[in-house]
N, C-alpha and C. Protein backbone atom coordinates (compact mmCIF):
# COMPACT_ATOMS: atom_id res chain seq x y z
N MET A 1 0.60 -1.25 0.02
CA MET A 1 0.16 -0.34 0.33
C MET A 1 0.86 1.35 -0.22
N LEU A 2 0.45 1.83 -1.18
CA LEU A 2 1.15 3.52 -1.03
C LEU A 2 1.10 4.52 0.12
N SER A 3 2.35 4.99 1.17
CA SER A 3 2.00 5.53 2.43
C SER A 3 3.23 6.65 2.37
N LEU A 4 2.71 7.93 2.80
CA LEU A 4 3.18 9.12 2.99
C LEU A 4 3.74 9.11 4.31
N ARG A 5 4.79 10.08 4.34
CA ARG A 5 5.08 10.18 6.19
C ARG A 5 3.64 11.16 6.42
N SER A 6 3.49 12.75 5.88
CA SER A 6 2.11 13.29 5.98
C SER A 6 2.59 14.30 4.55
N ILE A 7 0.88 14.44 5.00
CA ILE A 7 0.10 15.15 3.50
C ILE A 7 -0.03 16.69 4.63
N LEU A 8 -0.20 17.71 3.90
CA LEU A 8 -0.99 19.08 4.06
C LEU A 8 -1.69 19.51 3.69
N LEU A 9 -3.28 19.32 3.51
CA LEU A 9 -4.24 19.80 3.41
C LEU A 9 -4.95 21.42 3.76
N ILE A 10 -4.64 22.04 2.49
CA ILE A 10 -4.50 23.43 2.89
C ILE A 10 -6.56 23.51 1.74
N ASP A 11 -7.56 23.73 3.11
CA ASP A 11 -8.21 24.36 2.16
C ASP A 11 -9.30 25.26 3.45
N ASP A 12 -10.10 26.68 2.48
CA ASP A 12 -11.35 27.03 3.65
C ASP A 12 -12.04 26.43 3.48
N SER A 13 -12.80 25.50 2.91
CA SER A 13 -14.00 24.50 2.92
C SER A 13 -14.61 24.42 4.39
N PRO A 14 -14.68 23.44 5.70
CA PRO A 14 -15.15 23.06 5.79
C PRO A 14 -15.31 21.54 5.48
N ALA A 15 -16.50 21.71 4.65
CA ALA A 15 -16.81 20.91 4.08
C ALA A 15 -15.98 19.63 3.15
N ALA A 16 -15.25 20.28 2.15
CA ALA A 16 -13.83 19.62 1.65
C ALA A 16 -12.93 19.29 2.46
N ARG A 17 -12.62 20.28 3.58
CA ARG A 17 -11.69 19.65 4.90
C ARG A 17 -11.67 18.17 5.03
N PHE A 18 -13.15 18.32 5.43
CA PHE A 18 -13.79 16.29 5.88
C PHE A 18 -14.05 15.31 5.07
N LEU A 19 -14.19 15.52 4.06
CA LEU A 19 -14.53 15.09 2.72
C LEU A 19 -13.02 14.46 2.39
N HIS A 20 -12.62 15.38 2.05
CA HIS A 20 -10.75 15.10 1.67
C HIS A 20 -9.91 14.00 2.43
N ALA A 21 -10.24 14.97 3.73
CA ALA A 21 -9.52 14.25 4.63
C ALA A 21 -9.82 12.55 5.16
N SER A 22 -11.23 12.78 5.22
CA SER A 22 -11.77 11.42 5.18
C SER A 22 -11.56 10.41 4.10
N LEU A 23 -11.56 11.17 3.17
CA LEU A 23 -10.85 9.56 1.94
C LEU A 23 -9.47 9.07 1.77
N ILE A 24 -8.57 10.90 2.63
CA ILE A 24 -7.07 10.00 3.41
C ILE A 24 -7.21 8.78 4.11
N GLU A 25 -7.49 9.63 4.77
CA GLU A 25 -7.73 8.89 6.05
C GLU A 25 -8.34 6.84 5.46
N GLU A 26 -9.23 7.05 4.79
CA GLU A 26 -9.92 5.90 4.51
C GLU A 26 -8.57 4.93 4.09
N LEU A 27 -8.39 5.73 2.56
CA LEU A 27 -7.02 5.14 1.83
C LEU A 27 -5.78 5.04 2.92
N HIS A 28 -5.94 5.23 4.22
CA HIS A 28 -4.09 5.23 4.93
C HIS A 28 -3.18 5.34 3.96
N LEU A 29 -3.57 6.60 3.38
CA LEU A 29 -2.12 7.49 2.73
C LEU A 29 -1.61 7.84 3.03
N THR A 30 -1.24 8.25 4.27
CA THR A 30 -0.33 8.72 5.26
C THR A 30 -0.54 8.47 6.91
N GLN A 31 0.94 8.85 7.20
CA GLN A 31 0.91 8.37 9.14
C GLN A 31 0.33 9.69 9.91
N GLU A 32 0.36 10.80 8.60
CA GLU A 32 0.47 11.97 9.46
C GLU A 32 -0.40 13.02 8.21
N LEU A 33 -1.71 13.68 8.92
CA LEU A 33 -2.34 14.51 8.00
C LEU A 33 -2.10 15.95 8.14
N LEU A 34 -2.03 16.93 8.08
CA LEU A 34 -2.29 18.27 8.54
C LEU A 34 -3.49 19.03 7.93
N LEU A 35 -4.00 19.91 8.78
CA LEU A 35 -5.28 20.42 7.95
C LEU A 35 -5.17 22.25 8.20
N THR A 36 -5.08 22.76 7.69
CA THR A 36 -5.44 24.45 7.81
C THR A 36 -6.30 24.87 6.77
N ALA A 37 -7.07 25.82 6.80
CA ALA A 37 -7.81 26.69 6.68
C ALA A 37 -7.61 27.95 5.61
N ASN A 38 -6.20 28.41 5.14
CA ASN A 38 -5.99 29.41 4.69
C ASN A 38 -4.29 28.63 3.81
N GLY A 39 -4.15 29.96 3.12
CA GLY A 39 -2.09 29.46 2.90
C GLY A 39 -1.76 30.05 3.97
N LYS A 40 -2.35 31.35 4.71
CA LYS A 40 -0.85 31.41 5.77
C LYS A 40 -0.35 30.64 6.22
N ASP A 41 -2.00 30.22 6.85
CA ASP A 41 -1.56 29.47 7.63
C ASP A 41 -1.09 27.81 7.47
N GLY A 42 -0.82 27.49 6.19
CA GLY A 42 -0.97 26.53 5.66
C GLY A 42 0.64 26.77 5.45
N MET A 43 1.35 28.14 4.81
CA MET A 43 2.74 28.22 5.10
C MET A 43 3.68 28.27 6.02
N ALA A 44 2.53 28.52 7.28
CA ALA A 44 3.43 28.36 8.90
C ALA A 44 3.78 26.88 9.23
N LEU A 45 2.69 26.21 9.26
CA LEU A 45 2.78 24.73 9.04
C LEU A 45 3.99 24.17 7.87
N PHE A 46 3.55 24.48 7.18
CA PHE A 46 4.76 23.83 6.32
C PHE A 46 5.88 24.33 6.93
N GLU A 47 6.08 25.43 6.68
CA GLU A 47 7.95 25.50 7.39
C GLU A 47 7.72 25.43 9.10
N LYS A 48 7.05 25.00 9.59
CA LYS A 48 7.54 24.47 11.14
C LYS A 48 7.86 23.30 10.28
N LYS A 49 6.94 22.22 9.95
CA LYS A 49 7.48 20.78 9.70
C LYS A 49 9.12 20.99 8.71
N ALA A 50 9.45 21.28 8.03
CA ALA A 50 10.63 22.26 7.52
C ALA A 50 11.53 21.78 7.81
N LYS A 51 11.19 23.03 9.01
CA LYS A 51 12.38 23.57 10.02
C LYS A 51 12.70 22.76 10.74
N ALA A 52 11.66 21.32 11.27
CA ALA A 52 12.34 20.45 12.10
C ALA A 52 12.77 19.19 11.25
N GLY A 53 12.62 19.34 9.76
CA GLY A 53 13.15 18.55 9.24
C GLY A 53 12.53 17.38 9.01
N THR A 54 11.34 17.75 8.38
CA THR A 54 10.33 16.56 8.30
C THR A 54 9.18 17.28 7.74
N PRO A 55 9.45 18.60 6.10
CA PRO A 55 8.33 18.81 5.67
C PRO A 55 7.35 18.05 5.09
N PRO A 56 6.50 18.09 4.43
CA PRO A 56 5.26 17.00 4.12
C PRO A 56 5.69 16.50 3.15
N ASP A 57 5.55 15.29 2.89
CA ASP A 57 5.46 14.83 1.31
C ASP A 57 4.60 15.12 0.30
N LEU A 58 3.81 15.55 0.39
CA LEU A 58 2.49 16.19 -0.56
C LEU A 58 1.55 17.30 0.32
N VAL A 59 1.51 18.48 -0.47
CA VAL A 59 0.71 19.50 0.15
C VAL A 59 -1.14 19.64 -1.12
N LEU A 60 -1.72 19.08 -0.76
CA LEU A 60 -3.20 19.91 -1.65
C LEU A 60 -3.52 20.92 -1.08
N LEU A 61 -3.65 21.87 -2.00
CA LEU A 61 -3.84 23.46 -1.71
C LEU A 61 -5.38 23.80 -2.84
N ASP A 62 -5.74 24.34 -1.84
CA ASP A 62 -7.36 25.08 -2.48
C ASP A 62 -6.72 25.65 -3.09
N LEU A 63 -7.36 26.69 -4.58
CA LEU A 63 -6.73 27.41 -5.00
C LEU A 63 -7.24 29.46 -5.06
N LYS A 64 -8.77 28.77 -4.10
CA LYS A 64 -9.64 30.53 -3.70
C LYS A 64 -9.74 29.98 -2.56
N MET A 65 -9.20 30.85 -1.93
CA MET A 65 -9.43 30.71 -0.62
C MET A 65 -9.16 32.31 -0.15
N PRO A 66 -9.98 32.80 1.38
CA PRO A 66 -9.40 34.34 2.48
C PRO A 66 -8.24 33.87 2.64
N VAL A 67 -7.51 35.02 3.03
CA VAL A 67 -6.43 35.66 3.80
C VAL A 67 -5.23 35.18 3.20
N MET A 68 -4.75 34.03 2.06
CA MET A 68 -3.80 33.64 1.16
C MET A 68 -4.16 32.59 0.73
N ASP A 69 -4.87 32.63 -0.93
CA ASP A 69 -4.97 31.90 -1.70
C ASP A 69 -3.98 30.67 -2.23
N GLY A 70 -4.37 30.30 -3.19
CA GLY A 70 -3.53 29.26 -3.82
C GLY A 70 -2.26 29.85 -4.67
N PHE A 71 -2.45 30.70 -5.34
CA PHE A 71 -1.55 31.61 -6.37
C PHE A 71 -0.41 32.18 -5.13
N ASP A 72 -0.84 32.77 -4.12
CA ASP A 72 -0.36 33.28 -3.06
C ASP A 72 0.82 32.31 -2.61
N PHE A 73 0.73 31.53 -2.03
CA PHE A 73 1.04 30.50 -1.48
C PHE A 73 1.75 29.72 -2.32
N LEU A 74 1.81 29.57 -3.33
CA LEU A 74 2.85 28.99 -4.47
C LEU A 74 3.84 29.97 -4.79
N GLU A 75 3.64 31.06 -4.84
CA GLU A 75 4.14 32.06 -5.25
C GLU A 75 5.48 32.44 -4.02
N LEU A 76 4.77 32.40 -2.39
CA LEU A 76 6.07 32.53 -1.44
C LEU A 76 6.08 31.39 -1.84
N TYR A 77 6.07 30.18 -1.67
CA TYR A 77 7.24 28.53 -2.19
C TYR A 77 7.63 28.98 -3.34
N ARG A 78 7.71 29.67 -4.39
CA ARG A 78 8.95 29.83 -4.72
C ARG A 78 10.03 30.39 -4.69
N GLN A 79 9.37 31.63 -3.97
CA GLN A 79 9.97 32.72 -3.85
C GLN A 79 10.76 32.52 -2.35
N ARG A 80 10.78 31.82 -1.49
CA ARG A 80 11.66 31.27 -1.01
C ARG A 80 12.46 30.31 -0.99
N GLY A 81 12.09 29.31 -2.69
CA GLY A 81 13.19 28.32 -2.93
C GLY A 81 12.21 27.04 -2.67
N TYR A 82 11.80 27.04 -2.22
CA TYR A 82 11.21 25.47 -1.44
C TYR A 82 10.72 24.41 -2.30
N HIS A 83 10.89 25.00 -3.34
CA HIS A 83 10.51 24.67 -5.19
C HIS A 83 11.83 23.19 -5.23
N GLN A 84 12.78 23.88 -4.48
CA GLN A 84 14.01 23.40 -5.39
C GLN A 84 15.02 22.68 -4.02
N GLN A 85 14.33 22.71 -2.59
CA GLN A 85 15.15 22.48 -1.60
C GLN A 85 13.96 20.84 -0.79
N TYR A 86 12.78 21.02 -1.48
CA TYR A 86 12.10 19.95 -0.84
C TYR A 86 11.92 19.00 -1.78
N PRO A 87 11.47 17.75 -1.29
CA PRO A 87 10.88 16.79 -2.39
C PRO A 87 9.66 17.01 -2.56
N THR A 88 8.74 17.54 -1.86
CA THR A 88 7.47 17.90 -1.48
C THR A 88 6.85 17.83 -3.02
N LEU A 89 5.45 17.29 -3.08
CA LEU A 89 5.01 17.33 -4.43
C LEU A 89 3.60 18.18 -3.62
N LEU A 90 3.43 19.53 -4.64
CA LEU A 90 2.41 20.30 -4.51
C LEU A 90 0.66 19.63 -5.62
N ALA A 91 -0.37 19.45 -4.56
CA ALA A 91 -1.49 19.65 -6.38
C ALA A 91 -2.57 20.69 -4.89
N VAL A 92 -2.58 21.53 -6.78
CA VAL A 92 -3.61 22.03 -6.71
C VAL A 92 -5.39 21.82 -6.65
N LEU A 93 -6.13 22.28 -6.03
CA LEU A 93 -7.47 21.23 -5.59
C LEU A 93 -8.22 22.24 -6.26
N THR A 94 -9.05 22.37 -7.34
CA THR A 94 -10.13 23.39 -7.47
C THR A 94 -11.05 22.68 -8.53
N THR A 95 -12.62 23.74 -8.35
CA THR A 95 -13.11 23.54 -8.89
C THR A 95 -12.96 24.65 -10.63
N SER A 96 -12.53 25.21 -10.02
CA SER A 96 -12.17 26.58 -11.67
C SER A 96 -11.70 25.51 -12.61
N SER A 97 -12.55 26.30 -14.11
CA SER A 97 -12.24 25.34 -15.19
C SER A 97 -11.96 26.48 -16.17
N ASP A 98 -11.64 28.11 -15.50
CA ASP A 98 -10.92 29.55 -15.96
C ASP A 98 -9.39 28.80 -16.37
N PRO A 99 -9.74 29.26 -17.46
CA PRO A 99 -8.38 29.07 -19.07
C PRO A 99 -7.39 29.74 -17.73
N ARG A 100 -7.22 31.52 -17.43
CA ARG A 100 -6.50 31.98 -16.94
C ARG A 100 -5.87 31.07 -15.74
N ASP A 101 -6.86 30.28 -14.88
CA ASP A 101 -5.94 30.01 -13.36
C ASP A 101 -5.09 28.42 -14.01
N VAL A 102 -5.42 27.80 -15.18
CA VAL A 102 -4.97 26.69 -15.65
C VAL A 102 -3.50 27.29 -16.39
N TRP A 103 -3.45 28.11 -17.28
CA TRP A 103 -2.42 28.94 -17.94
C TRP A 103 -1.33 29.19 -16.86
N HIS A 104 -2.00 30.11 -15.51
CA HIS A 104 -0.99 30.66 -14.75
C HIS A 104 -1.01 29.13 -13.94
N LEU A 105 -1.34 28.26 -13.20
CA LEU A 105 -0.47 26.84 -13.14
C LEU A 105 0.58 26.69 -13.87
N GLN A 106 0.39 26.37 -14.95
CA GLN A 106 1.13 26.35 -15.75
C GLN A 106 2.50 26.86 -16.06
N GLN A 107 2.64 28.01 -15.92
CA GLN A 107 3.67 29.61 -15.49
C GLN A 107 4.88 29.01 -14.86
N ILE A 108 3.34 28.00 -13.34
CA ILE A 108 4.67 28.11 -12.19
C ILE A 108 5.62 26.93 -12.55
N GLY A 109 4.79 25.89 -12.84
CA GLY A 109 5.54 24.62 -13.02
C GLY A 109 5.62 23.95 -12.63
N PHE A 110 5.63 23.82 -10.95
CA PHE A 110 5.68 22.67 -10.07
C PHE A 110 4.76 22.52 -9.11
N ALA A 111 3.22 22.82 -9.44
CA ALA A 111 2.47 22.21 -9.19
C ALA A 111 1.32 21.64 -9.51
N GLN A 112 0.90 20.41 -9.38
CA GLN A 112 0.36 19.42 -9.93
C GLN A 112 -1.24 20.11 -10.16
N TYR A 113 -2.15 20.23 -11.02
CA TYR A 113 -3.79 20.38 -11.07
C TYR A 113 -4.83 19.04 -11.24
N VAL A 114 -5.14 19.08 -9.90
CA VAL A 114 -6.12 18.28 -9.56
C VAL A 114 -7.60 18.86 -9.57
N PRO A 115 -8.70 18.03 -10.17
CA PRO A 115 -10.09 18.70 -9.98
C PRO A 115 -10.19 18.17 -8.69
N LYS A 116 -11.59 19.46 -8.16
CA LYS A 116 -11.97 18.76 -7.10
C LYS A 116 -13.54 18.59 -7.26
N PRO A 117 -13.82 16.92 -6.46
CA PRO A 117 -13.61 16.95 -5.28
C PRO A 117 -12.45 15.90 -5.36
N LEU A 118 -11.63 15.55 -4.83
CA LEU A 118 -10.40 14.53 -4.93
C LEU A 118 -11.12 13.08 -4.78
N ILE A 119 -11.00 11.77 -5.62
CA ILE A 119 -11.18 10.81 -5.44
C ILE A 119 -10.22 9.87 -5.79
N THR A 120 -10.24 8.82 -5.28
CA THR A 120 -9.43 7.46 -4.63
C THR A 120 -8.23 7.50 -5.84
N GLU A 121 -8.52 7.76 -7.19
CA GLU A 121 -7.68 7.84 -8.29
C GLU A 121 -6.26 8.61 -8.37
N ASP A 122 -7.34 9.35 -8.02
CA ASP A 122 -6.53 11.00 -7.85
C ASP A 122 -5.64 11.18 -6.99
N LEU A 123 -6.11 10.46 -5.77
CA LEU A 123 -4.86 10.11 -4.67
C LEU A 123 -3.70 9.59 -4.66
N LYS A 124 -4.18 8.04 -5.05
CA LYS A 124 -3.45 7.46 -5.66
C LYS A 124 -1.80 7.59 -6.95
N ALA A 125 -2.39 8.10 -7.49
CA ALA A 125 -1.59 8.62 -8.80
C ALA A 125 -0.61 10.33 -7.79
N LEU A 126 -0.49 10.86 -6.91
CA LEU A 126 -0.43 11.58 -6.11
C LEU A 126 0.65 10.92 -5.46
N ALA A 127 0.15 10.49 -4.66
CA ALA A 127 1.30 9.05 -4.04
C ALA A 127 2.29 8.70 -4.57
N SER A 128 1.61 8.30 -5.83
CA SER A 128 2.83 7.03 -6.80
C SER A 128 3.38 7.97 -7.57
N LEU A 129 3.35 9.40 -8.16
CA LEU A 129 4.33 10.28 -8.15
C LEU A 129 4.51 10.34 -7.58
N TYR A 130 4.48 10.97 -6.23
CA TYR A 130 5.83 11.26 -4.99
C TYR A 130 7.00 10.66 -4.77
N LEU A 131 5.53 9.33 -4.98
CA LEU A 131 7.35 7.59 -4.30
C LEU A 131 8.16 7.98 -5.86
N GLY A 132 7.71 7.94 -6.27
CA GLY A 132 8.46 7.73 -7.85
C GLY A 132 9.74 8.82 -8.10
N ARG A 133 9.24 9.75 -7.51
CA ARG A 133 10.18 11.03 -7.34
C ARG A 133 10.97 10.94 -6.30
N THR A 134 10.96 10.80 -5.36
CA THR A 134 11.64 10.27 -4.43
C THR A 134 12.66 9.52 -4.50
N ALA A 135 12.79 8.06 -5.33
CA ALA A 135 12.86 7.31 -5.63
C ALA A 135 14.33 7.13 -6.68
N ARG A 136 13.91 7.98 -7.47
CA ARG A 136 14.87 8.64 -8.32
C ARG A 136 16.13 9.46 -7.72
N ARG A 137 15.18 10.21 -6.87
CA ARG A 137 16.50 10.98 -6.25
C ARG A 137 17.51 9.94 -5.15
N ALA A 138 17.21 9.24 -4.80
CA ALA A 138 17.75 8.37 -4.62
C ALA A 138 19.04 7.18 -4.76
N VAL A 139 18.60 7.68 -5.92
CA VAL A 139 19.62 6.86 -6.94
C VAL A 139 20.62 7.22 -7.18
């Protein structure tokens, strides 16, 4: 079974957090599930875990949120060089089909795009992608 050390889920919707957390737990996909309601709190938690030497393996990031949205989170993540320092896989979760959002995510280049709601196949694919990337780094 695929298992990640930790997953950070950042979403302002309590219903989406509950739904996605339930699915992640049902699949036994991670040893630790971290939840926050906006990008600012998500970044603080990411940085705390990274500083302790245990950055999340996977960040599931809602795109449209108050306080700090997904695009702002990704920009700060890039500015601080985390995309080069850590093997963390970032996946943007969104219901948006706005071509500008998709284009913007493609320009960022280091985040996966996953439509909401998350389904089993998407989660397993993300876990496999992360595990495949980290296995290649170890060789």
